[in-house]
Amino acid sequence: PGIPENELEEIFGKFIQSTRTKTGAGGTGLGLAICREIIEAHGGTITAANRPGGGAVFEVLMPMEAVLEAHAA
């Protein structure tokens, strides 16, 4: 269904769920917070946006050094 514009940054907080996804299906609201911490620990960023036709898009940007180190390991 997408994410309300005013929640696009907020959803990365611990124990936060979008008001559009609180369906009682479970979850604690930690997944995106954990993703952001891991990505930022590697020097990257993660952002959320809405697609024009509906739904959400998450973009992960990582510095090339982090990608090369991951492949070497």
PDB file of N, CA and C in Angstrom:
ATOM      1  N   PRO A   1       0.799  -1.219   0.000  1.00  0.00           N
ATOM      2  CA  PRO A   1       0.000   0.000   0.000  1.00  0.00           C
ATOM      3  C   PRO A   1       0.834   1.272   0.000  1.00  0.00           C
ATOM      4  N   GLY A   2       2.155   1.164   0.128  1.00  0.00           N
ATOM      5  CA  GLY A   2       2.988   2.354   0.256  1.00  0.00           C
ATOM      6  C   GLY A   2       3.087   2.793   1.700  1.00  0.00           C
ATOM      7  N   ILE A   3       3.834   3.838   1.919  1.00  0.00           N
ATOM      8  CA  ILE A   3       4.105   4.352   3.262  1.00  0.00           C
ATOM      9  C   ILE A   3       3.711   5.822   3.281  1.00  0.00           C
ATOM     10  N   PRO A   4       2.954   6.263   4.275  1.00  0.00           N
ATOM     11  CA  PRO A   4       2.627   7.690   4.340  1.00  0.00           C
ATOM     12  C   PRO A   4       3.908   8.535   4.299  1.00  0.00           C
ATOM     13  N   GLU A   5       3.871   9.622   3.554  1.00  0.00           N
ATOM     14  CA  GLU A   5       5.055  10.464   3.365  1.00  0.00           C
ATOM     15  C   GLU A   5       5.712  10.870   4.688  1.00  0.00           C
ATOM     16  N   ASN A   6       4.921  11.170   5.692  1.00  0.00           N
ATOM     17  CA  ASN A   6       5.491  11.622   6.961  1.00  0.00           C
ATOM     18  C   ASN A   6       6.110  10.474   7.764  1.00  0.00           C
ATOM     19  N   GLU A   7       6.003   9.234   7.282  1.00  0.00           N
ATOM     20  CA  GLU A   7       6.575   8.090   7.980  1.00  0.00           C
ATOM     21  C   GLU A   7       7.784   7.486   7.264  1.00  0.00           C
ATOM     22  N   LEU A   8       8.171   8.026   6.115  1.00  0.00           N
ATOM     23  CA  LEU A   8       9.244   7.430   5.324  1.00  0.00           C
ATOM     24  C   LEU A   8      10.569   7.344   6.071  1.00  0.00           C
ATOM     25  N   GLU A   9      10.846   8.262   6.954  1.00  0.00           N
ATOM     26  CA  GLU A   9      12.067   8.203   7.766  1.00  0.00           C
ATOM     27  C   GLU A   9      11.788   7.515   9.096  1.00  0.00           C
ATOM     28  N   GLU A  10      10.627   7.754   9.634  1.00  0.00           N
ATOM     29  CA  GLU A  10      10.250   7.229  10.955  1.00  0.00           C
ATOM     30  C   GLU A  10      10.260   5.701  11.009  1.00  0.00           C
ATOM     31  N   ILE A  11       9.938   5.023   9.911  1.00  0.00           N
ATOM     32  CA  ILE A  11       9.833   3.567   9.920  1.00  0.00           C
ATOM     33  C   ILE A  11      11.158   2.863  10.198  1.00  0.00           C
ATOM     34  N   PHE A  12      12.270   3.596  10.146  1.00  0.00           N
ATOM     35  CA  PHE A  12      13.572   3.007  10.441  1.00  0.00           C
ATOM     36  C   PHE A  12      13.883   3.031  11.938  1.00  0.00           C
ATOM     37  N   GLY A  13      12.984   3.577  12.743  1.00  0.00           N
ATOM     38  CA  GLY A  13      13.165   3.598  14.194  1.00  0.00           C
ATOM     39  C   GLY A  13      12.813   2.251  14.800  1.00  0.00           C
ATOM     40  N   LYS A  14      13.396   1.963  15.944  1.00  0.00           N
ATOM     41  CA  LYS A  14      13.124   0.706  16.636  1.00  0.00           C
ATOM     42  C   LYS A  14      11.683   0.673  17.138  1.00  0.00           C
ATOM     43  N   PHE A  15      11.037  -0.453  16.934  1.00  0.00           N
ATOM     44  CA  PHE A  15       9.667  -0.726  17.366  1.00  0.00           C
ATOM     45  C   PHE A  15       8.624   0.149  16.664  1.00  0.00           C
ATOM     46  N   ILE A  16       8.970   0.673  15.481  1.00  0.00           N
ATOM     47  CA  ILE A  16       8.044   1.508  14.713  1.00  0.00           C
ATOM     48  C   ILE A  16       7.524   0.710  13.528  1.00  0.00           C
ATOM     49  N   GLN A  17       6.227   0.770  13.309  1.00  0.00           N
ATOM     50  CA  GLN A  17       5.608   0.187  12.128  1.00  0.00           C
ATOM     51  C   GLN A  17       4.769   1.264  11.459  1.00  0.00           C
ATOM     52  N   SER A  18       4.687   1.201  10.147  1.00  0.00           N
ATOM     53  CA  SER A  18       3.857   2.156   9.422  1.00  0.00           C
ATOM     54  C   SER A  18       2.405   2.000   9.846  1.00  0.00           C
ATOM     55  N   THR A  19       1.681   3.083   9.871  1.00  0.00           N
ATOM     56  CA  THR A  19       0.263   3.023  10.216  1.00  0.00           C
ATOM     57  C   THR A  19      -0.529   2.235   9.184  1.00  0.00           C
ATOM     58  N   ARG A  20       0.011   2.076   7.992  1.00  0.00           N
ATOM     59  CA  ARG A  20      -0.681   1.317   6.937  1.00  0.00           C
ATOM     60  C   ARG A  20      -0.426  -0.188   7.033  1.00  0.00           C
ATOM     61  N   THR A  21       0.502  -0.622   7.870  1.00  0.00           N
ATOM     62  CA  THR A  21       0.827  -2.048   7.931  1.00  0.00           C
ATOM     63  C   THR A  21       0.488  -2.680   9.268  1.00  0.00           C
ATOM     64  N   LYS A  22      -0.125  -1.970  10.156  1.00  0.00           N
ATOM     65  CA  LYS A  22      -0.483  -2.537  11.448  1.00  0.00           C
ATOM     66  C   LYS A  22      -1.758  -3.372  11.290  1.00  0.00           C
ATOM     67  N   THR A  23      -1.586  -4.572  10.772  1.00  0.00           N
ATOM     68  CA  THR A  23      -2.723  -5.433  10.483  1.00  0.00           C
ATOM     69  C   THR A  23      -2.892  -6.536  11.510  1.00  0.00           C
ATOM     70  N   GLY A  24      -2.031  -6.590  12.501  1.00  0.00           N
ATOM     71  CA  GLY A  24      -2.088  -7.664  13.473  1.00  0.00           C
ATOM     72  C   GLY A  24      -1.380  -8.913  12.977  1.00  0.00           C
ATOM     73  N   ALA A  25      -0.635  -8.804  11.880  1.00  0.00           N
ATOM     74  CA  ALA A  25       0.054  -9.958  11.307  1.00  0.00           C
ATOM     75  C   ALA A  25       1.335 -10.298  12.048  1.00  0.00           C
ATOM     76  N   GLY A  26       1.673  -9.550  13.056  1.00  0.00           N
ATOM     77  CA  GLY A  26       2.879  -9.832  13.822  1.00  0.00           C
ATOM     78  C   GLY A  26       4.007  -8.892  13.480  1.00  0.00           C
ATOM     79  N   GLY A  27       5.142  -9.134  14.082  1.00  0.00           N
ATOM     80  CA  GLY A  27       6.310  -8.292  13.875  1.00  0.00           C
ATOM     81  C   GLY A  27       6.452  -7.287  14.993  1.00  0.00           C
ATOM     82  N   THR A  28       7.690  -6.890  15.229  1.00  0.00           N
ATOM     83  CA  THR A  28       7.968  -5.962  16.326  1.00  0.00           C
ATOM     84  C   THR A  28       8.422  -4.596  15.862  1.00  0.00           C
ATOM     85  N   GLY A  29       8.638  -4.438  14.560  1.00  0.00           N
ATOM     86  CA  GLY A  29       9.123  -3.157  14.074  1.00  0.00           C
ATOM     87  C   GLY A  29      10.622  -3.001  14.257  1.00  0.00           C
ATOM     88  N   LEU A  30      11.344  -4.106  14.234  1.00  0.00           N
ATOM     89  CA  LEU A  30      12.801  -4.042  14.389  1.00  0.00           C
ATOM     90  C   LEU A  30      13.559  -4.293  13.080  1.00  0.00           C
ATOM     91  N   GLY A  31      12.925  -4.899  12.105  1.00  0.00           N
ATOM     92  CA  GLY A  31      13.614  -5.290  10.881  1.00  0.00           C
ATOM     93  C   GLY A  31      14.312  -4.154  10.162  1.00  0.00           C
ATOM     94  N   LEU A  32      13.605  -3.062   9.906  1.00  0.00           N
ATOM     95  CA  LEU A  32      14.221  -1.943   9.189  1.00  0.00           C
ATOM     96  C   LEU A  32      15.263  -1.229  10.041  1.00  0.00           C
ATOM     97  N   ALA A  33      15.058  -1.181  11.356  1.00  0.00           N
ATOM     98  CA  ALA A  33      16.053  -0.567  12.248  1.00  0.00           C
ATOM     99  C   ALA A  33      17.348  -1.373  12.212  1.00  0.00           C
ATOM    100  N   ILE A  34      17.230  -2.701  12.231  1.00  0.00           N
ATOM    101  CA  ILE A  34      18.413  -3.560  12.164  1.00  0.00           C
ATOM    102  C   ILE A  34      19.102  -3.410  10.817  1.00  0.00           C
ATOM    103  N   CYS A  35      18.332  -3.398   9.738  1.00  0.00           N
ATOM    104  CA  CYS A  35      18.909  -3.207   8.404  1.00  0.00           C
ATOM    105  C   CYS A  35      19.698  -1.906   8.328  1.00  0.00           C
ATOM    106  N   ARG A  36      19.103  -0.836   8.826  1.00  0.00           N
ATOM    107  CA  ARG A  36      19.780   0.459   8.768  1.00  0.00           C
ATOM    108  C   ARG A  36      21.090   0.429   9.561  1.00  0.00           C
ATOM    109  N   GLU A  37      21.081  -0.172  10.750  1.00  0.00           N
ATOM    110  CA  GLU A  37      22.302  -0.224  11.559  1.00  0.00           C
ATOM    111  C   GLU A  37      23.404  -1.008  10.861  1.00  0.00           C
ATOM    112  N   ILE A  38      23.061  -2.133  10.259  1.00  0.00           N
ATOM    113  CA  ILE A  38      24.065  -2.936   9.547  1.00  0.00           C
ATOM    114  C   ILE A  38      24.603  -2.177   8.348  1.00  0.00           C
ATOM    115  N   ILE A  39      23.710  -1.593   7.563  1.00  0.00           N
ATOM    116  CA  ILE A  39      24.123  -0.866   6.359  1.00  0.00           C
ATOM    117  C   ILE A  39      24.982   0.340   6.716  1.00  0.00           C
ATOM    118  N   GLU A  40      24.582   1.100   7.726  1.00  0.00           N
ATOM    119  CA  GLU A  40      25.372   2.271   8.131  1.00  0.00           C
ATOM    120  C   GLU A  40      26.715   1.863   8.731  1.00  0.00           C
ATOM    121  N   ALA A  41      26.777   0.715   9.402  1.00  0.00           N
ATOM    122  CA  ALA A  41      28.048   0.236   9.949  1.00  0.00           C
ATOM    123  C   ALA A  41      29.056  -0.056   8.839  1.00  0.00           C
ATOM    124  N   HIS A  42      28.545  -0.317   7.645  1.00  0.00           N
ATOM    125  CA  HIS A  42      29.405  -0.563   6.495  1.00  0.00           C
ATOM    126  C   HIS A  42      29.568   0.685   5.628  1.00  0.00           C
ATOM    127  N   GLY A  43      29.128   1.836   6.129  1.00  0.00           N
ATOM    128  CA  GLY A  43      29.307   3.089   5.410  1.00  0.00           C
ATOM    129  C   GLY A  43      28.247   3.375   4.369  1.00  0.00           C
ATOM    130  N   GLY A  44      27.139   2.635   4.404  1.00  0.00           N
ATOM    131  CA  GLY A  44      26.093   2.816   3.411  1.00  0.00           C
ATOM    132  C   GLY A  44      24.885   3.564   3.940  1.00  0.00           C
ATOM    133  N   THR A  45      23.868   3.660   3.105  1.00  0.00           N
ATOM    134  CA  THR A  45      22.615   4.305   3.480  1.00  0.00           C
ATOM    135  C   THR A  45      21.449   3.471   2.972  1.00  0.00           C
ATOM    136  N   ILE A  46      20.309   3.590   3.641  1.00  0.00           N
ATOM    137  CA  ILE A  46      19.071   2.975   3.189  1.00  0.00           C
ATOM    138  C   ILE A  46      17.973   4.021   3.309  1.00  0.00           C
ATOM    139  N   THR A  47      17.157   4.141   2.277  1.00  0.00           N
ATOM    140  CA  THR A  47      16.046   5.096   2.282  1.00  0.00           C
ATOM    141  C   THR A  47      14.794   4.405   1.744  1.00  0.00           C
ATOM    142  N   ALA A  48      13.657   4.976   2.062  1.00  0.00           N
ATOM    143  CA  ALA A  48      12.370   4.464   1.586  1.00  0.00           C
ATOM    144  C   ALA A  48      11.674   5.542   0.777  1.00  0.00           C
ATOM    145  N   ALA A  49      10.926   5.115  -0.218  1.00  0.00           N
ATOM    146  CA  ALA A  49      10.133   6.026  -1.044  1.00  0.00           C
ATOM    147  C   ALA A  49       8.903   5.263  -1.524  1.00  0.00           C
ATOM    148  N   ASN A  50       7.974   5.973  -2.088  1.00  0.00           N
ATOM    149  CA  ASN A  50       6.773   5.359  -2.635  1.00  0.00           C
ATOM    150  C   ASN A  50       6.840   5.333  -4.155  1.00  0.00           C
ATOM    151  N   ARG A  51       6.364   4.238  -4.740  1.00  0.00           N
ATOM    152  CA  ARG A  51       6.274   4.137  -6.191  1.00  0.00           C
ATOM    153  C   ARG A  51       5.015   4.855  -6.649  1.00  0.00           C
ATOM    154  N   PRO A  52       5.050   5.499  -7.802  1.00  0.00           N
ATOM    155  CA  PRO A  52       3.873   6.217  -8.298  1.00  0.00           C
ATOM    156  C   PRO A  52       2.629   5.332  -8.412  1.00  0.00           C
ATOM    157  N   GLY A  53       2.781   4.070  -8.779  1.00  0.00           N
ATOM    158  CA  GLY A  53       1.639   3.190  -8.945  1.00  0.00           C
ATOM    159  C   GLY A  53       1.207   2.482  -7.673  1.00  0.00           C
ATOM    160  N   GLY A  54       1.888   2.748  -6.575  1.00  0.00           N
ATOM    161  CA  GLY A  54       1.580   2.099  -5.306  1.00  0.00           C
ATOM    162  C   GLY A  54       2.729   1.221  -4.856  1.00  0.00           C
ATOM    163  N   GLY A  55       2.807   1.002  -3.591  1.00  0.00           N
ATOM    164  CA  GLY A  55       3.882   0.200  -3.028  1.00  0.00           C
ATOM    165  C   GLY A  55       5.066   1.050  -2.624  1.00  0.00           C
ATOM    166  N   ALA A  56       5.991   0.424  -1.954  1.00  0.00           N
ATOM    167  CA  ALA A  56       7.177   1.123  -1.455  1.00  0.00           C
ATOM    168  C   ALA A  56       8.434   0.592  -2.134  1.00  0.00           C
ATOM    169  N   VAL A  57       9.448   1.438  -2.176  1.00  0.00           N
ATOM    170  CA  VAL A  57      10.746   1.089  -2.725  1.00  0.00           C
ATOM    171  C   VAL A  57      11.791   1.428  -1.675  1.00  0.00           C
ATOM    172  N   PHE A  58      12.720   0.503  -1.443  1.00  0.00           N
ATOM    173  CA  PHE A  58      13.821   0.747  -0.526  1.00  0.00           C
ATOM    174  C   PHE A  58      15.106   0.748  -1.331  1.00  0.00           C
ATOM    175  N   GLU A  59      15.913   1.783  -1.118  1.00  0.00           N
ATOM    176  CA  GLU A  59      17.175   1.905  -1.849  1.00  0.00           C
ATOM    177  C   GLU A  59      18.323   1.774  -0.869  1.00  0.00           C
ATOM    178  N   VAL A  60      19.247   0.866  -1.178  1.00  0.00           N
ATOM    179  CA  VAL A  60      20.444   0.657  -0.368  1.00  0.00           C
ATOM    180  C   VAL A  60      21.639   1.083  -1.209  1.00  0.00           C
ATOM    181  N   LEU A  61      22.427   2.001  -0.684  1.00  0.00           N
ATOM    182  CA  LEU A  61      23.652   2.441  -1.350  1.00  0.00           C
ATOM    183  C   LEU A  61      24.832   2.076  -0.462  1.00  0.00           C
ATOM    184  N   MET A  62      25.808   1.389  -1.056  1.00  0.00           N
ATOM    185  CA  MET A  62      26.991   0.977  -0.316  1.00  0.00           C
ATOM    186  C   MET A  62      28.224   1.511  -1.030  1.00  0.00           C
ATOM    187  N   PRO A  63      29.232   1.940  -0.261  1.00  0.00           N
ATOM    188  CA  PRO A  63      30.472   2.352  -0.906  1.00  0.00           C
ATOM    189  C   PRO A  63      31.125   1.142  -1.563  1.00  0.00           C
ATOM    190  N   MET A  64      31.766   1.332  -2.675  1.00  0.00           N
ATOM    191  CA  MET A  64      32.370   0.235  -3.422  1.00  0.00           C
ATOM    192  C   MET A  64      33.342  -0.575  -2.566  1.00  0.00           C
ATOM    193  N   GLU A  65      34.056   0.071  -1.663  1.00  0.00           N
ATOM    194  CA  GLU A  65      35.005  -0.640  -0.817  1.00  0.00           C
ATOM    195  C   GLU A  65      34.314  -1.730   0.005  1.00  0.00           C
ATOM    196  N   ALA A  66      33.150  -1.424   0.546  1.00  0.00           N
ATOM    197  CA  ALA A  66      32.409  -2.387   1.370  1.00  0.00           C
ATOM    198  C   ALA A  66      31.961  -3.570   0.520  1.00  0.00           C
ATOM    199  N   VAL A  67      31.532  -3.309  -0.706  1.00  0.00           N
ATOM    200  CA  VAL A  67      31.088  -4.380  -1.591  1.00  0.00           C
ATOM    201  C   VAL A  67      32.269  -5.274  -1.945  1.00  0.00           C
ATOM    202  N   LEU A  68      33.405  -4.689  -2.272  1.00  0.00           N
ATOM    203  CA  LEU A  68      34.588  -5.480  -2.629  1.00  0.00           C
ATOM    204  C   LEU A  68      35.082  -6.311  -1.450  1.00  0.00           C
ATOM    205  N   GLU A  69      35.058  -5.730  -0.247  1.00  0.00           N
ATOM    206  CA  GLU A  69      35.478  -6.484   0.942  1.00  0.00           C
ATOM    207  C   GLU A  69      34.535  -7.650   1.209  1.00  0.00           C
ATOM    208  N   ALA A  70      33.253  -7.464   1.005  1.00  0.00           N
ATOM    209  CA  ALA A  70      32.285  -8.549   1.227  1.00  0.00           C
ATOM    210  C   ALA A  70      32.528  -9.694   0.255  1.00  0.00           C
ATOM    211  N   HIS A  71      32.837  -9.379  -0.981  1.00  0.00           N
ATOM    212  CA  HIS A  71      33.093 -10.421  -1.968  1.00  0.00           C
ATOM    213  C   HIS A  71      34.412 -11.141  -1.704  1.00  0.00           C
ATOM    214  N   ALA A  72      35.381 -10.437  -1.133  1.00  0.00           N
ATOM    215  CA  ALA A  72      36.676 -11.042  -0.852  1.00  0.00           C
ATOM    216  C   ALA A  72      36.602 -11.981   0.352  1.00  0.00           C
ATOM    217  N   ALA A  73      35.635 -11.744   1.243  1.00  0.00           N
ATOM    218  CA  ALA A  73      35.548 -12.545   2.476  1.00  0.00           C
ATOM    219  C   ALA A  73      34.930 -13.873   2.279  1.00  0.00           C
TER     220      ALA A  73
END
